[in-house]
Amino acid sequence: MSVAAHTDLPLPAVDTDYIQVDYPNAFVLMEHLRGMGENHAVQSRGAPATRDSLLAAASIYQSMFGQPDGTVPATFQVIYLIGWSPHESQQKPLRRGSAQHSLKELGHD
């Protein structure tokens, strides 16, 4: 069961977008990730990365994903969770299992 289904909100919905951002180099990307709080996201993290390991990672990332103009891309997945407060005029969800089509038929991006 999805996170959205565990709310008291009727008709929860989840949507996602993939957004690609081009950075001048891997160090600017790393700084942006740090600014978003996306560094050290794992609770059981080890010691901070050394200067040498960061230089090696930047070089590898540039060689694997670098663009002809020298930039490096990063793709971010944005997840939107939407729910509405209950109201008598609101559409009611259908009974579980009553769908005419499977969501699997929609495919994936």
N, C-alpha and C. Protein backbone atom coordinates (compact mmCIF):
# COMPACT_ATOMS: atom_id res chain seq x y z
N MET A 1 0.85 -1.18 0.00
CA MET A 1 0.00 0.00 0.00
C MET A 1 0.90 1.24 0.00
N SER A 2 0.51 2.25 -0.75
CA SER A 2 1.35 3.45 -0.88
C SER A 2 1.26 4.35 0.34
N VAL A 3 2.22 5.23 0.47
CA VAL A 3 2.23 6.20 1.57
C VAL A 3 0.97 7.05 1.53
N ALA A 4 0.56 7.48 0.34
CA ALA A 4 -0.62 8.34 0.21
C ALA A 4 -1.88 7.64 0.69
N ALA A 5 -1.95 6.33 0.57
CA ALA A 5 -3.14 5.59 0.99
C ALA A 5 -3.24 5.47 2.50
N HIS A 6 -2.18 5.76 3.22
CA HIS A 6 -2.17 5.67 4.68
C HIS A 6 -2.62 6.97 5.34
N THR A 7 -3.21 7.86 4.61
CA THR A 7 -3.70 9.12 5.18
C THR A 7 -5.20 9.03 5.37
N ASP A 8 -5.75 10.00 6.09
CA ASP A 8 -7.20 10.09 6.25
C ASP A 8 -7.81 10.94 5.14
N LEU A 9 -7.02 11.33 4.18
CA LEU A 9 -7.51 12.18 3.10
C LEU A 9 -8.10 11.31 1.99
N PRO A 10 -9.29 11.69 1.49
CA PRO A 10 -9.87 10.91 0.40
C PRO A 10 -9.16 11.19 -0.92
N LEU A 11 -9.17 10.23 -1.79
CA LEU A 11 -8.61 10.35 -3.14
C LEU A 11 -7.17 10.89 -3.15
N PRO A 12 -6.28 10.28 -2.38
CA PRO A 12 -4.89 10.74 -2.44
C PRO A 12 -4.31 10.43 -3.81
N ALA A 13 -3.36 11.25 -4.22
CA ALA A 13 -2.72 11.07 -5.53
C ALA A 13 -1.22 11.27 -5.38
N VAL A 14 -0.48 10.56 -6.20
CA VAL A 14 0.98 10.69 -6.23
C VAL A 14 1.38 10.92 -7.67
N ASP A 15 2.28 11.88 -7.89
CA ASP A 15 2.79 12.14 -9.23
C ASP A 15 4.29 12.38 -9.11
N THR A 16 4.99 12.14 -10.19
CA THR A 16 6.43 12.36 -10.18
C THR A 16 6.87 13.09 -11.45
N ASP A 17 7.93 13.82 -11.33
CA ASP A 17 8.59 14.47 -12.46
C ASP A 17 10.07 14.14 -12.38
N TYR A 18 10.71 14.05 -13.52
CA TYR A 18 12.16 13.93 -13.59
C TYR A 18 12.68 15.22 -14.20
N ILE A 19 13.57 15.87 -13.48
CA ILE A 19 14.10 17.16 -13.92
C ILE A 19 15.61 17.03 -14.08
N GLN A 20 16.12 17.32 -15.28
CA GLN A 20 17.56 17.27 -15.50
C GLN A 20 18.12 18.68 -15.41
N VAL A 21 19.18 18.81 -14.64
CA VAL A 21 19.87 20.09 -14.47
C VAL A 21 21.31 19.89 -14.91
N ASP A 22 21.82 20.79 -15.74
CA ASP A 22 23.21 20.73 -16.18
C ASP A 22 24.06 21.65 -15.30
N TYR A 23 25.16 21.12 -14.79
CA TYR A 23 26.06 21.87 -13.91
C TYR A 23 27.39 22.10 -14.62
N PRO A 24 28.08 23.20 -14.29
CA PRO A 24 29.37 23.48 -14.93
C PRO A 24 30.40 22.38 -14.68
N ASN A 25 30.33 21.74 -13.50
CA ASN A 25 31.25 20.65 -13.17
C ASN A 25 30.68 19.87 -11.98
N ALA A 26 31.33 18.77 -11.64
CA ALA A 26 30.84 17.91 -10.57
C ALA A 26 30.91 18.59 -9.21
N PHE A 27 31.85 19.52 -9.03
CA PHE A 27 31.97 20.19 -7.74
C PHE A 27 30.79 21.13 -7.48
N VAL A 28 30.32 21.80 -8.53
CA VAL A 28 29.13 22.65 -8.38
C VAL A 28 27.92 21.77 -8.08
N LEU A 29 27.83 20.62 -8.74
CA LEU A 29 26.76 19.66 -8.45
C LEU A 29 26.82 19.22 -6.99
N MET A 30 28.01 18.84 -6.51
CA MET A 30 28.14 18.41 -5.11
C MET A 30 27.74 19.51 -4.14
N GLU A 31 28.11 20.75 -4.45
CA GLU A 31 27.74 21.88 -3.59
C GLU A 31 26.22 22.07 -3.59
N HIS A 32 25.59 21.92 -4.74
CA HIS A 32 24.14 22.03 -4.83
C HIS A 32 23.47 20.92 -4.01
N LEU A 33 23.97 19.70 -4.13
CA LEU A 33 23.42 18.59 -3.34
C LEU A 33 23.56 18.86 -1.85
N ARG A 34 24.70 19.39 -1.46
CA ARG A 34 24.92 19.72 -0.05
C ARG A 34 23.94 20.80 0.41
N GLY A 35 23.70 21.80 -0.44
CA GLY A 35 22.76 22.86 -0.11
C GLY A 35 21.33 22.37 0.03
N MET A 36 21.00 21.28 -0.69
CA MET A 36 19.66 20.69 -0.60
C MET A 36 19.56 19.70 0.56
N GLY A 37 20.66 19.48 1.26
CA GLY A 37 20.65 18.51 2.36
C GLY A 37 20.72 17.08 1.87
N GLU A 38 21.20 16.88 0.65
CA GLU A 38 21.26 15.54 0.07
C GLU A 38 22.60 14.85 0.28
N ASN A 39 23.47 15.45 1.05
CA ASN A 39 24.72 14.76 1.38
C ASN A 39 24.53 14.08 2.74
N HIS A 40 25.20 13.01 2.96
CA HIS A 40 25.10 12.28 4.22
C HIS A 40 23.66 11.92 4.56
N ALA A 41 22.90 11.47 3.56
CA ALA A 41 21.50 11.12 3.79
C ALA A 41 21.34 9.80 4.53
N VAL A 42 22.35 8.98 4.53
CA VAL A 42 22.27 7.68 5.19
C VAL A 42 22.61 7.84 6.67
N GLN A 43 21.79 7.30 7.55
CA GLN A 43 22.04 7.45 8.98
C GLN A 43 23.31 6.74 9.43
N SER A 44 23.61 5.61 8.83
CA SER A 44 24.79 4.85 9.24
C SER A 44 26.00 5.21 8.40
N ARG A 45 26.16 6.49 8.12
CA ARG A 45 27.25 6.93 7.25
C ARG A 45 28.60 6.77 7.94
N GLY A 46 29.59 6.65 7.12
CA GLY A 46 30.95 6.52 7.63
C GLY A 46 31.61 7.89 7.74
N ALA A 47 32.91 7.88 7.70
CA ALA A 47 33.67 9.12 7.79
C ALA A 47 33.44 9.98 6.54
N PRO A 48 33.59 11.30 6.67
CA PRO A 48 33.44 12.17 5.49
C PRO A 48 34.44 11.81 4.40
N ALA A 49 34.07 12.11 3.17
CA ALA A 49 34.93 11.83 2.03
C ALA A 49 36.20 12.69 2.11
N THR A 50 37.29 12.11 1.68
CA THR A 50 38.56 12.84 1.66
C THR A 50 38.64 13.69 0.39
N ARG A 51 39.55 14.63 0.38
CA ARG A 51 39.76 15.48 -0.79
C ARG A 51 40.11 14.63 -2.01
N ASP A 52 40.98 13.64 -1.82
CA ASP A 52 41.38 12.77 -2.94
C ASP A 52 40.20 11.97 -3.48
N SER A 53 39.34 11.47 -2.60
CA SER A 53 38.19 10.69 -3.08
C SER A 53 37.20 11.59 -3.81
N LEU A 54 37.04 12.84 -3.37
CA LEU A 54 36.16 13.78 -4.08
C LEU A 54 36.71 14.12 -5.46
N LEU A 55 38.02 14.33 -5.54
CA LEU A 55 38.65 14.61 -6.84
C LEU A 55 38.48 13.42 -7.78
N ALA A 56 38.66 12.20 -7.27
CA ALA A 56 38.50 11.00 -8.08
C ALA A 56 37.05 10.85 -8.53
N ALA A 57 36.10 11.07 -7.61
CA ALA A 57 34.67 10.96 -7.96
C ALA A 57 34.29 11.98 -9.03
N ALA A 58 34.78 13.21 -8.89
CA ALA A 58 34.47 14.25 -9.88
C ALA A 58 35.03 13.89 -11.25
N SER A 59 36.24 13.35 -11.27
CA SER A 59 36.86 12.95 -12.54
C SER A 59 36.10 11.80 -13.19
N ILE A 60 35.71 10.82 -12.40
CA ILE A 60 34.95 9.68 -12.93
C ILE A 60 33.59 10.13 -13.44
N TYR A 61 32.90 10.97 -12.66
CA TYR A 61 31.58 11.46 -13.07
C TYR A 61 31.68 12.24 -14.38
N GLN A 62 32.71 13.09 -14.48
CA GLN A 62 32.92 13.88 -15.69
C GLN A 62 33.18 12.97 -16.89
N SER A 63 34.00 11.93 -16.70
CA SER A 63 34.32 11.05 -17.83
C SER A 63 33.13 10.19 -18.24
N MET A 64 32.29 9.81 -17.28
CA MET A 64 31.15 8.95 -17.59
C MET A 64 29.94 9.73 -18.12
N PHE A 65 29.69 10.92 -17.57
CA PHE A 65 28.45 11.63 -17.88
C PHE A 65 28.66 13.03 -18.47
N GLY A 66 29.92 13.46 -18.60
CA GLY A 66 30.20 14.80 -19.10
C GLY A 66 29.64 15.03 -20.50
N GLN A 67 29.14 16.22 -20.74
CA GLN A 67 28.59 16.61 -22.03
C GLN A 67 29.69 17.23 -22.89
N PRO A 68 29.48 17.31 -24.20
CA PRO A 68 30.50 17.91 -25.08
C PRO A 68 30.89 19.34 -24.68
N ASP A 69 29.94 20.08 -24.08
CA ASP A 69 30.25 21.46 -23.68
C ASP A 69 30.94 21.53 -22.32
N GLY A 70 31.23 20.36 -21.71
CA GLY A 70 31.94 20.33 -20.43
C GLY A 70 31.04 20.24 -19.21
N THR A 71 29.75 20.45 -19.39
CA THR A 71 28.84 20.38 -18.25
C THR A 71 28.58 18.93 -17.86
N VAL A 72 28.07 18.75 -16.63
CA VAL A 72 27.66 17.42 -16.17
C VAL A 72 26.19 17.49 -15.78
N PRO A 73 25.40 16.52 -16.23
CA PRO A 73 23.98 16.53 -15.90
C PRO A 73 23.71 15.79 -14.59
N ALA A 74 22.63 16.19 -13.95
CA ALA A 74 22.11 15.45 -12.79
C ALA A 74 20.60 15.40 -12.96
N THR A 75 20.01 14.25 -12.73
CA THR A 75 18.57 14.09 -12.86
C THR A 75 17.97 13.92 -11.47
N PHE A 76 16.97 14.74 -11.17
CA PHE A 76 16.29 14.71 -9.89
C PHE A 76 14.87 14.21 -10.09
N GLN A 77 14.44 13.33 -9.21
CA GLN A 77 13.05 12.88 -9.24
C GLN A 77 12.31 13.66 -8.16
N VAL A 78 11.27 14.38 -8.58
CA VAL A 78 10.43 15.14 -7.66
C VAL A 78 9.14 14.35 -7.48
N ILE A 79 8.76 14.11 -6.24
CA ILE A 79 7.55 13.35 -5.94
C ILE A 79 6.54 14.28 -5.30
N TYR A 80 5.33 14.31 -5.87
CA TYR A 80 4.25 15.13 -5.36
C TYR A 80 3.21 14.22 -4.71
N LEU A 81 2.84 14.50 -3.47
CA LEU A 81 1.78 13.78 -2.78
C LEU A 81 0.64 14.77 -2.57
N ILE A 82 -0.55 14.41 -3.03
CA ILE A 82 -1.68 15.34 -3.00
C ILE A 82 -2.87 14.66 -2.32
N GLY A 83 -3.57 15.39 -1.47
CA GLY A 83 -4.80 14.90 -0.85
C GLY A 83 -5.73 16.08 -0.62
N TRP A 84 -7.00 15.80 -0.50
CA TRP A 84 -7.99 16.85 -0.30
C TRP A 84 -8.73 16.61 1.01
N SER A 85 -9.11 17.69 1.68
CA SER A 85 -9.94 17.56 2.88
C SER A 85 -11.30 17.03 2.48
N PRO A 86 -11.89 16.17 3.32
CA PRO A 86 -13.20 15.61 2.98
C PRO A 86 -14.27 16.69 2.86
N HIS A 87 -15.19 16.50 1.91
CA HIS A 87 -16.33 17.39 1.71
C HIS A 87 -17.44 16.57 1.08
N GLU A 88 -18.69 16.84 1.44
CA GLU A 88 -19.81 16.03 0.93
C GLU A 88 -19.96 16.08 -0.58
N SER A 89 -19.50 17.15 -1.22
CA SER A 89 -19.63 17.27 -2.68
C SER A 89 -18.51 16.54 -3.43
N GLN A 90 -17.55 16.06 -2.69
CA GLN A 90 -16.38 15.44 -3.31
C GLN A 90 -16.69 14.05 -3.86
N GLN A 91 -16.09 13.75 -4.98
CA GLN A 91 -16.20 12.42 -5.58
C GLN A 91 -15.74 11.37 -4.56
N LYS A 92 -16.43 10.26 -4.52
CA LYS A 92 -16.07 9.18 -3.59
C LYS A 92 -15.20 8.15 -4.32
N PRO A 93 -14.19 7.63 -3.64
CA PRO A 93 -13.35 6.62 -4.28
C PRO A 93 -14.15 5.35 -4.58
N LEU A 94 -13.81 4.69 -5.66
CA LEU A 94 -14.46 3.44 -6.01
C LEU A 94 -14.00 2.33 -5.06
N ARG A 95 -14.79 1.29 -4.99
CA ARG A 95 -14.46 0.13 -4.15
C ARG A 95 -13.15 -0.47 -4.64
N ARG A 96 -12.30 -0.87 -3.72
CA ARG A 96 -11.01 -1.48 -4.05
C ARG A 96 -11.23 -2.69 -4.94
N GLY A 97 -10.47 -2.77 -6.04
CA GLY A 97 -10.58 -3.89 -6.97
C GLY A 97 -11.64 -3.71 -8.04
N SER A 98 -12.30 -2.55 -8.09
CA SER A 98 -13.37 -2.35 -9.07
C SER A 98 -12.89 -1.70 -10.37
N ALA A 99 -11.60 -1.46 -10.49
CA ALA A 99 -11.06 -0.79 -11.68
C ALA A 99 -11.30 -1.62 -12.94
N GLN A 100 -11.53 -0.93 -14.04
CA GLN A 100 -11.74 -1.59 -15.32
C GLN A 100 -10.41 -1.84 -16.06
N HIS A 101 -9.38 -1.09 -15.68
CA HIS A 101 -8.07 -1.22 -16.32
C HIS A 101 -7.00 -1.27 -15.23
N SER A 102 -5.93 -1.95 -15.53
CA SER A 102 -4.81 -2.04 -14.60
C SER A 102 -3.86 -0.87 -14.83
N LEU A 103 -3.32 -0.33 -13.76
CA LEU A 103 -2.32 0.73 -13.90
C LEU A 103 -1.07 0.22 -14.60
N LYS A 104 -0.85 -1.08 -14.58
CA LYS A 104 0.30 -1.67 -15.27
C LYS A 104 0.21 -1.45 -16.77
N GLU A 105 -1.01 -1.24 -17.29
CA GLU A 105 -1.20 -1.00 -18.72
C GLU A 105 -0.65 0.37 -19.15
N LEU A 106 -0.44 1.26 -18.20
CA LEU A 106 0.03 2.61 -18.53
C LEU A 106 1.49 2.62 -18.93
N GLY A 107 2.26 1.66 -18.48
CA GLY A 107 3.69 1.62 -18.81
C GLY A 107 4.48 2.56 -17.93
N HIS A 108 5.73 2.68 -18.23
CA HIS A 108 6.64 3.52 -17.46
C HIS A 108 7.42 4.41 -18.40
N ASP A 109 7.86 5.57 -17.85
CA ASP A 109 8.69 6.50 -18.64
C ASP A 109 10.05 5.93 -18.87
